[in-house]
Amino acid sequence: QAEFVNKDVLVHVSSLLHLEPSELAKALTIQVSITRGETILKPNTAELSTEFRDALAKFLYGHLFSWVVKSLNLMLSPSQVPQITQLMNESDTFRGTDICILDIFGFENFKVNSFEQFCINVANEQLQYYFNQHIFRWEQEEYEREGVSPPGTFKFADNKPIIELFFAKPLGMFNLLDDETKFPRSSSKTLVDKFSEHCDKNPHYVKPKQQKEPSFAIKHYAGQVSYNCDSFLSKNRDALSVGLLDCIRKSKSDLIQNIVGGIDTESTKANHQVLLDCESPAQAARNPRIVSKMLRHRKSILGGSRRAVPQSVLTPNLSHRPNIGHSDLGMGGPADRRP
């Protein structure tokens, strides 16, 4: 059964959330399920409680970030409150004057790379592909349409095969990961086995040499990165338990009440059930996981970028010192391959 090692941290976090420590402790360490009208309490393992804790942190951070963006939009354009509200609900009907900023991390390659690094690096790979299309391919097509000879030879490394490795349907890595997440008996090993079975023919996928730990490697345009799959499935589920949501709703903070007020309890109950049972198709449709959300956001961002006129700001800080910028991207970025 899970227990708190440092109760001072529990008290501190509870005070920040305006909750009773005993209520938060119960929500994190005890699982509540309702079967045929009967409420069943089951103690969590330390591993499951850790997943609940991480899911709660991401839930609060994500909704707080959305609340900040929405508040800024309302302050900047109070006359367009209905349209902006629809925009914040991921509607595509807002057509006011707006500016979109895509701020993204650089490639990450640590001693141990997990699900977060995988998502960040895939996003960078997609951004690199967009740069290739916008800066090189579209520019070359414009020269050809106008019958003008380009000032030099357009040479760039096309990373489209890597994009297909991630996003191809139905056997791209993202779809395989999402499918594997639906099954309660899946494991890190079964996930890597499925990756290796379906992605081995892609030259950018590297099968694990040793089977001691579930891992694989990707030959990104910026270099090869190895990923440890131990927590890929649990992090992709990102399930917030019913007990935790009910606990957060008891917060005396007006801000927290504001950001959780619109959460659908029934959807959360169904999402939490993924941890307990096999997911039905109906549950899968209403319980998007992290990978599903990324695919949806990717489609939205790419659609918007095609309609817009992009302006790129490339100022990496390779020395990790303040007030210093560099003119090239390094690691094979677009600036290194300009004609």
Protein backbone atom coordinates (compact mmCIF):
# COMPACT_ATOMS: atom_id res chain seq x y z
CA GLN A 1 0.00 0.00 0.00
CA ALA A 2 1.25 3.49 -0.85
CA GLU A 3 2.38 5.75 1.99
CA PHE A 4 3.72 9.30 2.08
CA VAL A 5 7.44 9.47 2.79
CA ASN A 6 7.43 13.20 3.53
CA LYS A 7 4.17 14.43 5.02
CA ASP A 8 5.47 18.01 5.13
CA VAL A 9 5.28 18.07 1.35
CA LEU A 10 1.69 16.80 1.51
CA VAL A 11 0.75 19.58 3.93
CA HIS A 12 2.46 22.21 1.76
CA VAL A 13 0.79 21.06 -1.46
CA SER A 14 -2.58 20.85 0.28
CA SER A 15 -2.23 24.43 1.49
CA LEU A 16 -1.44 25.61 -2.05
CA LEU A 17 -4.54 23.83 -3.36
CA HIS A 18 -6.68 24.98 -0.40
CA LEU A 19 -7.49 21.38 0.52
CA GLU A 20 -7.43 19.32 3.67
CA PRO A 21 -4.25 17.15 3.75
CA SER A 22 -6.26 14.08 4.77
CA GLU A 23 -8.58 14.48 1.76
CA LEU A 24 -5.71 14.82 -0.72
CA ALA A 25 -3.86 11.89 0.85
CA LYS A 26 -6.94 9.70 0.54
CA ALA A 27 -7.50 10.68 -3.10
CA LEU A 28 -3.90 9.82 -4.00
CA THR A 29 -3.57 6.53 -2.12
CA ILE A 30 -7.06 5.00 -2.29
CA GLN A 31 -8.88 4.05 -5.46
CA VAL A 32 -12.64 4.51 -5.57
CA SER A 33 -14.79 2.48 -7.96
CA ILE A 34 -18.55 2.07 -8.19
CA THR A 35 -19.95 -1.32 -9.22
CA ARG A 36 -23.72 -1.85 -9.42
CA GLY A 37 -24.31 1.06 -7.11
CA GLU A 38 -21.81 -0.16 -4.52
CA THR A 39 -18.75 1.97 -3.70
CA ILE A 40 -15.53 -0.02 -3.35
CA LEU A 41 -12.34 1.36 -1.81
CA LYS A 42 -9.05 -0.23 -2.80
CA PRO A 43 -5.59 0.86 -1.58
CA ASN A 44 -3.22 1.92 -4.33
CA THR A 45 0.25 0.59 -4.87
CA ALA A 46 3.09 3.10 -4.68
CA GLU A 47 3.46 2.92 -8.47
CA LEU A 48 -0.21 3.69 -9.12
CA SER A 49 -0.23 6.53 -6.59
CA THR A 50 2.78 7.99 -8.35
CA GLU A 51 0.86 7.88 -11.63
CA PHE A 52 -2.09 9.63 -9.95
CA ARG A 53 0.21 12.31 -8.54
CA ASP A 54 1.82 12.97 -11.92
CA ALA A 55 -1.57 13.02 -13.67
CA LEU A 56 -2.86 15.57 -11.15
CA ALA A 57 0.18 17.81 -11.67
CA LYS A 58 -0.21 17.72 -15.47
CA PHE A 59 -3.96 18.26 -15.18
CA LEU A 60 -3.56 21.38 -13.05
CA TYR A 61 -0.70 22.76 -15.15
CA GLY A 62 -2.53 22.20 -18.44
CA HIS A 63 -5.78 23.77 -17.31
CA LEU A 64 -4.00 26.66 -15.60
CA PHE A 65 -2.07 27.37 -18.80
CA SER A 66 -5.31 27.39 -20.82
CA TRP A 67 -6.90 29.68 -18.24
CA VAL A 68 -3.99 32.15 -18.53
CA VAL A 69 -4.21 32.20 -22.35
CA LYS A 70 -7.98 32.62 -22.27
CA SER A 71 -7.72 35.44 -19.73
CA LEU A 72 -5.15 37.25 -21.87
CA ASN A 73 -7.34 36.94 -24.96
CA LEU A 74 -10.35 38.28 -23.08
CA MET A 75 -8.35 41.26 -21.83
CA LEU A 76 -6.90 42.02 -25.26
CA SER A 77 -10.18 41.66 -27.12
CA PRO A 78 -13.17 42.02 -24.76
CA SER A 79 -15.55 42.72 -27.65
CA GLN A 80 -14.94 39.26 -29.07
CA VAL A 81 -15.59 37.21 -25.95
CA PRO A 82 -17.98 34.69 -27.64
CA GLN A 83 -15.60 34.03 -30.52
CA ILE A 84 -12.57 33.68 -28.24
CA THR A 85 -14.49 31.35 -25.94
CA GLN A 86 -15.19 29.13 -28.93
CA LEU A 87 -11.55 29.31 -29.91
CA MET A 88 -10.46 28.19 -26.46
CA ASN A 89 -12.87 25.24 -26.83
CA GLU A 90 -10.90 24.24 -29.94
CA SER A 91 -13.55 25.53 -32.32
CA ASP A 92 -12.34 26.62 -35.75
CA THR A 93 -14.94 29.36 -36.15
CA PHE A 94 -12.94 32.30 -34.75
CA ARG A 95 -11.92 34.63 -37.56
CA GLY A 96 -10.83 37.76 -35.71
CA THR A 97 -7.47 39.46 -36.05
CA ASP A 98 -5.01 37.27 -34.22
CA ILE A 99 -1.37 36.31 -34.00
CA CYS A 100 -0.19 32.81 -33.18
CA ILE A 101 3.18 32.04 -31.63
CA LEU A 102 4.63 28.55 -31.78
CA ASP A 103 7.22 28.27 -29.03
CA ILE A 104 8.91 24.89 -28.98
CA PHE A 105 11.75 23.15 -27.20
CA GLY A 106 14.91 22.14 -28.99
CA PHE A 107 15.83 18.48 -29.39
CA GLU A 108 16.38 16.66 -26.12
CA ASN A 109 18.79 13.78 -25.66
CA PHE A 110 19.50 12.83 -22.05
CA LYS A 111 21.04 9.78 -20.44
CA VAL A 112 17.49 8.45 -20.03
CA ASN A 113 14.87 9.63 -22.53
CA SER A 114 11.22 8.87 -21.87
CA PHE A 115 7.78 9.70 -23.25
CA GLU A 116 8.23 13.45 -22.78
CA GLN A 117 11.43 13.55 -24.85
CA PHE A 118 9.77 11.39 -27.49
CA CYS A 119 6.87 13.83 -27.88
CA ILE A 120 9.16 16.88 -27.87
CA ASN A 121 11.51 15.42 -30.46
CA VAL A 122 8.64 14.31 -32.69
CA ALA A 123 7.26 17.87 -32.55
CA ASN A 124 10.70 19.19 -33.53
CA GLU A 125 10.86 16.70 -36.36
CA GLN A 126 7.50 17.96 -37.65
CA LEU A 127 8.68 21.57 -37.33
CA GLN A 128 11.82 20.74 -39.29
CA TYR A 129 9.67 19.20 -42.02
CA TYR A 130 7.60 22.39 -42.14
CA PHE A 131 10.78 24.47 -42.41
CA ASN A 132 11.94 22.30 -45.29
CA GLN A 133 8.63 22.78 -47.07
CA HIS A 134 8.38 26.49 -46.44
CA ILE A 135 11.97 27.63 -46.82
CA PHE A 136 13.20 25.26 -49.52
CA ARG A 137 10.57 23.31 -51.42
CA TRP A 138 7.96 26.06 -51.74
CA GLU A 139 10.66 28.59 -52.61
CA GLN A 140 11.95 26.29 -55.33
CA GLU A 141 8.45 25.80 -56.72
CA GLU A 142 7.98 29.57 -56.86
CA TYR A 143 11.19 29.94 -58.88
CA GLU A 144 9.95 27.28 -61.29
CA ARG A 145 6.52 28.91 -61.68
CA GLU A 146 8.12 32.26 -62.52
CA GLY A 147 10.71 30.72 -64.81
CA VAL A 148 13.59 32.15 -62.78
CA SER A 149 16.85 30.32 -62.20
CA PRO A 150 17.59 29.97 -58.47
CA PRO A 151 20.77 31.65 -57.16
CA GLY A 152 22.18 28.26 -56.13
CA THR A 153 21.37 24.60 -55.81
CA PHE A 154 18.64 23.73 -53.34
CA LYS A 155 20.03 20.94 -51.20
CA PHE A 156 18.37 19.83 -47.99
CA ALA A 157 17.81 16.61 -46.11
CA ASP A 158 14.15 15.65 -46.53
CA ASN A 159 12.92 14.13 -43.27
CA LYS A 160 9.56 13.00 -44.67
CA PRO A 161 10.41 9.29 -44.08
CA ILE A 162 10.83 10.06 -40.38
CA ILE A 163 7.47 11.86 -40.30
CA GLU A 164 5.86 8.81 -41.91
CA LEU A 165 7.48 6.59 -39.28
CA PHE A 166 5.60 8.53 -36.58
CA PHE A 167 2.31 9.44 -38.23
CA ALA A 168 1.59 6.88 -40.98
CA LYS A 169 -1.83 5.19 -40.77
CA PRO A 170 -2.55 2.67 -39.45
CA LEU A 171 0.90 1.43 -38.43
CA GLY A 172 2.79 4.59 -37.52
CA MET A 173 4.37 4.68 -34.06
CA PHE A 174 1.76 7.07 -32.67
CA ASN A 175 -1.15 4.89 -33.77
CA LEU A 176 0.59 1.76 -32.51
CA LEU A 177 1.21 3.39 -29.13
CA ASP A 178 -2.39 4.57 -28.89
CA ASP A 179 -3.73 1.11 -29.76
CA GLU A 180 -1.48 -0.61 -27.25
CA THR A 181 -2.57 1.82 -24.51
CA LYS A 182 -6.16 0.60 -24.78
CA PHE A 183 -5.34 -2.87 -23.45
CA PRO A 184 -4.83 -3.38 -19.69
CA ARG A 185 -2.49 -6.36 -20.20
CA SER A 186 -0.14 -4.46 -22.47
CA SER A 187 3.34 -3.76 -21.19
CA SER A 188 6.48 -1.90 -22.17
CA LYS A 189 7.80 -5.09 -23.73
CA THR A 190 4.68 -5.69 -25.84
CA LEU A 191 4.87 -2.08 -27.00
CA VAL A 192 8.49 -2.36 -28.12
CA ASP A 193 7.72 -5.70 -29.78
CA LYS A 194 4.92 -4.07 -31.74
CA PHE A 195 7.18 -1.16 -32.73
CA SER A 196 9.88 -3.54 -33.92
CA GLU A 197 7.39 -5.71 -35.81
CA HIS A 198 5.84 -2.88 -37.82
CA CYS A 199 8.58 -0.23 -37.98
CA ASP A 200 11.70 -2.32 -38.53
CA LYS A 201 11.73 -1.66 -42.30
CA ASN A 202 11.99 2.08 -41.77
CA PRO A 203 15.73 2.97 -41.80
CA HIS A 204 15.19 5.58 -39.07
CA TYR A 205 13.95 3.03 -36.52
CA VAL A 206 16.60 1.16 -34.54
CA LYS A 207 15.63 -2.09 -32.80
CA PRO A 208 16.97 -2.66 -29.29
CA LYS A 209 20.17 -4.70 -29.24
CA GLN A 210 19.52 -6.08 -25.79
CA GLN A 211 16.21 -7.20 -24.30
CA LYS A 212 17.16 -6.36 -20.70
CA GLU A 213 15.09 -3.17 -20.81
CA PRO A 214 12.29 -2.05 -23.16
CA SER A 215 13.87 0.53 -25.43
CA PHE A 216 14.34 1.61 -29.02
CA ALA A 217 16.17 4.37 -30.89
CA ILE A 218 15.22 6.86 -33.59
CA LYS A 219 17.61 8.37 -36.13
CA HIS A 220 16.27 11.93 -36.03
CA TYR A 221 17.47 14.55 -38.46
CA ALA A 222 19.42 16.03 -35.53
CA GLY A 223 20.98 12.71 -34.49
CA GLN A 224 20.13 9.35 -32.97
CA VAL A 225 18.20 9.29 -29.67
CA SER A 226 17.48 6.21 -27.53
CA TYR A 227 14.19 6.00 -25.64
CA ASN A 228 13.30 3.97 -22.56
CA CYS A 229 9.70 2.71 -22.81
CA ASP A 230 9.13 1.84 -19.15
CA SER A 231 6.43 4.50 -18.63
CA PHE A 232 5.20 5.18 -22.17
CA LEU A 233 1.83 3.48 -21.66
CA SER A 234 0.98 5.00 -18.29
CA LYS A 235 2.03 8.49 -19.37
CA ASN A 236 0.00 8.22 -22.54
CA ARG A 237 -3.12 7.26 -20.56
CA ASP A 238 -2.80 10.37 -18.41
CA ALA A 239 -5.87 9.27 -16.44
CA LEU A 240 -7.09 11.50 -13.63
CA SER A 241 -8.92 9.39 -11.06
CA VAL A 242 -12.51 10.14 -10.10
CA GLY A 243 -11.46 10.48 -6.47
CA LEU A 244 -8.82 13.09 -7.32
CA LEU A 245 -11.24 15.13 -9.42
CA ASP A 246 -13.85 15.04 -6.64
CA CYS A 247 -11.14 16.08 -4.19
CA ILE A 248 -10.01 19.03 -6.32
CA ARG A 249 -13.61 20.18 -6.65
CA LYS A 250 -13.65 20.66 -2.87
CA SER A 251 -10.89 23.28 -3.08
CA LYS A 252 -11.70 26.62 -1.44
CA SER A 253 -9.64 28.45 -4.06
CA ASP A 254 -11.70 30.48 -6.53
CA LEU A 255 -9.01 30.02 -9.18
CA ILE A 256 -9.03 26.23 -8.93
CA GLN A 257 -12.82 26.19 -8.95
CA ASN A 258 -12.66 28.29 -12.11
CA ILE A 259 -10.28 26.04 -14.01
CA VAL A 260 -11.96 22.73 -13.05
CA GLY A 261 -15.55 23.95 -13.20
CA GLY A 262 -16.09 22.83 -16.77
CA ILE A 263 -14.62 19.34 -16.48
CA ASP A 264 -17.02 16.57 -17.43
CA THR A 265 -17.20 14.16 -14.49
CA GLU A 266 -18.72 11.34 -16.55
CA SER A 267 -15.93 11.58 -19.13
CA THR A 268 -13.36 11.50 -16.33
CA LYS A 269 -14.98 8.41 -14.81
CA ALA A 270 -14.80 6.64 -18.14
CA ASN A 271 -11.21 7.75 -18.62
CA HIS A 272 -10.23 6.46 -15.19
CA GLN A 273 -11.79 3.10 -16.05
CA VAL A 274 -8.99 2.55 -18.58
CA LEU A 275 -6.70 1.78 -15.66
CA LEU A 276 -9.08 -0.93 -14.48
CA ASP A 277 -10.71 -2.58 -17.50
CA CYS A 278 -10.27 -3.06 -21.21
CA GLU A 279 -11.50 -0.05 -23.14
CA SER A 280 -14.49 -0.33 -25.43
CA PRO A 281 -14.64 1.54 -28.77
CA ALA A 282 -17.16 3.96 -27.27
CA GLN A 283 -14.83 4.67 -24.34
CA ALA A 284 -11.91 5.13 -26.70
CA ALA A 285 -13.84 7.76 -28.67
CA ARG A 286 -14.56 9.91 -25.63
CA ASN A 287 -11.26 9.33 -23.80
CA PRO A 288 -8.49 10.89 -25.90
CA ARG A 289 -5.00 10.06 -24.70
CA ILE A 290 -1.88 12.21 -24.94
CA VAL A 291 -0.93 10.84 -28.35
CA SER A 292 -4.48 11.37 -29.64
CA LYS A 293 -4.39 14.95 -28.40
CA MET A 294 -1.03 15.51 -30.09
CA LEU A 295 -2.40 14.21 -33.39
CA ARG A 296 -5.38 16.53 -33.11
CA HIS A 297 -3.23 19.54 -32.22
CA ARG A 298 -0.80 18.68 -35.01
CA LYS A 299 -3.63 18.78 -37.53
CA SER A 300 -4.87 22.11 -36.16
CA ILE A 301 -1.41 23.73 -36.13
CA LEU A 302 -0.51 22.54 -39.62
CA GLY A 303 -3.84 23.74 -40.95
CA GLY A 304 -3.34 27.18 -39.43
CA SER A 305 0.27 27.45 -40.57
CA ARG A 306 -0.70 26.78 -44.19
CA ARG A 307 -3.16 29.67 -44.10
CA ALA A 308 -0.71 32.05 -42.41
CA VAL A 309 2.51 33.80 -43.40
CA PRO A 310 5.13 32.34 -41.04
CA GLN A 311 8.02 34.33 -39.65
CA SER A 312 10.81 32.34 -37.99
CA VAL A 313 12.93 33.45 -35.06
CA LEU A 314 15.97 31.19 -34.65
CA THR A 315 18.12 32.21 -31.71
CA PRO A 316 19.60 29.17 -29.97
CA ASN A 317 21.82 29.68 -26.97
CA LEU A 318 24.45 26.97 -27.27
CA SER A 319 26.61 28.36 -24.47
CA HIS A 320 23.70 28.42 -21.99
CA ARG A 321 24.61 31.95 -20.93
CA PRO A 322 22.24 34.94 -20.73
CA ASN A 323 22.08 37.67 -23.40
CA ILE A 324 23.93 35.62 -26.01
CA GLY A 325 22.54 34.37 -29.32
CA HIS A 326 24.00 32.50 -32.29
CA SER A 327 23.35 32.85 -35.99
CA ASP A 328 23.12 29.16 -36.88
CA LEU A 329 20.93 26.39 -35.58
CA GLY A 330 23.53 23.69 -35.23
CA MET A 331 22.62 19.98 -35.22
CA GLY A 332 21.69 20.07 -38.91
CA GLY A 333 19.01 22.77 -38.65
CA PRO A 334 17.64 24.76 -41.57
CA ALA A 335 20.25 27.51 -41.31
CA ASP A 336 23.00 24.97 -41.94
CA ARG A 337 21.54 23.97 -45.30
CA ARG A 338 20.59 27.23 -46.91
CA PRO A 339 21.81 27.56 -50.51
